[in-house]
């Protein structure tokens, strides 16, 4: 069975806490990162258990639904990051258009 791994940020969002609290829970031994990764990764089932979800009751259908939800959220996150970058580029262009005439007047 394939493990579903979450980043610190995803873990924090799933638990409704900050990433600093995730780090504190790791230090306290309440949450254990999966070994063998450069950055901390957490097993979804460990996170769900910590959140109080009874993982023994997850049916294969529920598990697949959660996996799909995670994939959809990751896709949405990537789409929003790209959208943010496009907005940044547009803002830079607008700022350049506004500032250049002012600079020409000053010089």
Protein backbone atom coordinates (compact mmCIF):
# COMPACT_ATOMS: atom_id res chain seq x y z
CA UNK A 1 0.00 0.00 0.00
CA UNK A 2 1.39 3.37 -1.08
CA UNK A 3 1.98 6.00 1.60
CA UNK A 4 0.48 9.43 1.11
CA UNK A 5 2.97 11.98 2.35
CA UNK A 6 2.19 15.53 3.37
CA UNK A 7 4.54 18.50 3.64
CA UNK A 8 4.81 20.54 6.84
CA UNK A 9 2.44 23.13 5.37
CA UNK A 10 -0.10 20.51 4.26
CA UNK A 11 0.13 18.85 7.68
CA UNK A 12 -0.42 22.17 9.43
CA UNK A 13 -3.44 22.92 7.23
CA UNK A 14 -4.92 19.45 7.79
CA UNK A 15 -4.55 19.85 11.57
CA UNK A 16 -5.59 23.53 11.61
CA UNK A 17 -2.31 24.61 13.24
CA UNK A 18 0.78 26.59 12.27
CA UNK A 19 3.97 25.06 10.87
CA UNK A 20 5.70 26.13 14.10
CA UNK A 21 3.21 23.99 16.03
CA UNK A 22 3.92 21.07 13.66
CA UNK A 23 7.63 21.46 14.50
CA UNK A 24 6.82 21.57 18.21
CA UNK A 25 4.70 18.40 17.95
CA UNK A 26 7.66 16.69 16.23
CA UNK A 27 9.98 17.76 19.08
CA UNK A 28 7.43 16.52 21.61
CA UNK A 29 7.26 13.17 19.82
CA UNK A 30 3.55 13.50 19.02
CA UNK A 31 4.21 13.58 15.26
CA UNK A 32 6.97 11.67 13.49
CA UNK A 33 8.25 12.59 10.02
CA UNK A 34 8.85 9.80 7.52
CA UNK A 35 12.55 9.00 7.25
CA UNK A 36 14.50 9.27 4.02
CA UNK A 37 13.32 12.71 2.88
CA UNK A 38 15.34 15.91 2.70
CA UNK A 39 12.43 17.98 4.00
CA UNK A 40 9.99 16.73 6.63
CA UNK A 41 7.16 14.62 5.20
CA UNK A 42 4.34 13.18 7.26
CA UNK A 43 2.20 10.12 6.65
CA UNK A 44 -1.43 11.11 6.01
CA UNK A 45 -2.71 8.38 8.29
CA UNK A 46 -0.51 9.56 11.18
CA UNK A 47 -1.81 13.09 10.66
CA UNK A 48 -5.43 11.92 10.53
CA UNK A 49 -4.89 9.89 13.69
CA UNK A 50 -3.41 12.93 15.45
CA UNK A 51 -6.44 14.94 14.29
CA UNK A 52 -8.67 12.41 16.02
CA UNK A 53 -9.92 10.64 12.90
CA UNK A 54 -10.42 6.92 13.39
CA UNK A 55 -8.39 5.66 10.45
CA UNK A 56 -9.46 2.07 10.98
CA UNK A 57 -12.89 3.02 9.68
CA UNK A 58 -11.57 4.38 6.37
CA UNK A 59 -12.94 2.22 3.62
CA UNK A 60 -10.97 1.81 0.38
CA UNK A 61 -13.49 4.16 -1.22
CA UNK A 62 -12.96 6.80 1.46
CA UNK A 63 -9.21 6.42 1.14
CA UNK A 64 -9.41 6.93 -2.64
CA UNK A 65 -11.70 9.91 -2.12
CA UNK A 66 -9.18 11.48 0.24
CA UNK A 67 -6.34 10.77 -2.18
CA UNK A 68 -8.31 12.43 -4.99
CA UNK A 69 -9.06 15.38 -2.75
CA UNK A 70 -5.36 15.77 -1.95
CA UNK A 71 -4.46 15.59 -5.65
CA UNK A 72 -7.13 18.17 -6.51
CA UNK A 73 -5.93 20.50 -3.76
CA UNK A 74 -2.33 20.19 -4.94
CA UNK A 75 -3.42 20.99 -8.51
CA UNK A 76 -5.42 23.98 -7.29
CA UNK A 77 -2.44 25.13 -5.23
CA UNK A 78 -0.15 24.94 -8.28
CA UNK A 79 -2.74 26.77 -10.42
CA UNK A 80 -3.04 29.53 -7.80
CA UNK A 81 0.74 29.87 -7.56
CA UNK A 82 0.93 30.32 -11.33
CA UNK A 83 -1.92 32.83 -11.23
CA UNK A 84 -0.11 34.76 -8.49
CA UNK A 85 3.05 34.87 -10.61
CA UNK A 86 1.07 36.17 -13.61
CA UNK A 87 -0.44 38.91 -11.46
CA UNK A 88 3.03 39.84 -10.20
CA UNK A 89 4.31 40.12 -13.77
CA UNK A 90 1.31 42.25 -14.80
CA UNK A 91 1.78 44.49 -11.79
CA UNK A 92 5.46 44.91 -12.63
CA UNK A 93 4.55 45.92 -16.18
CA UNK A 94 1.94 48.41 -14.97
CA UNK A 95 4.35 49.89 -12.45
CA UNK A 96 6.98 50.27 -15.18
CA UNK A 97 4.46 52.04 -17.42
CA UNK A 98 3.52 54.43 -14.63
CA UNK A 99 7.02 55.12 -13.33
CA UNK A 100 8.87 55.53 -16.65
CA UNK A 101 7.07 58.76 -17.69
CA UNK A 102 7.67 60.21 -14.22
CA UNK A 103 11.38 59.36 -14.39
CA UNK A 104 11.66 60.94 -17.85
CA UNK A 105 10.16 64.16 -16.49
CA UNK A 106 12.62 64.22 -13.59
CA UNK A 107 15.67 63.62 -15.78
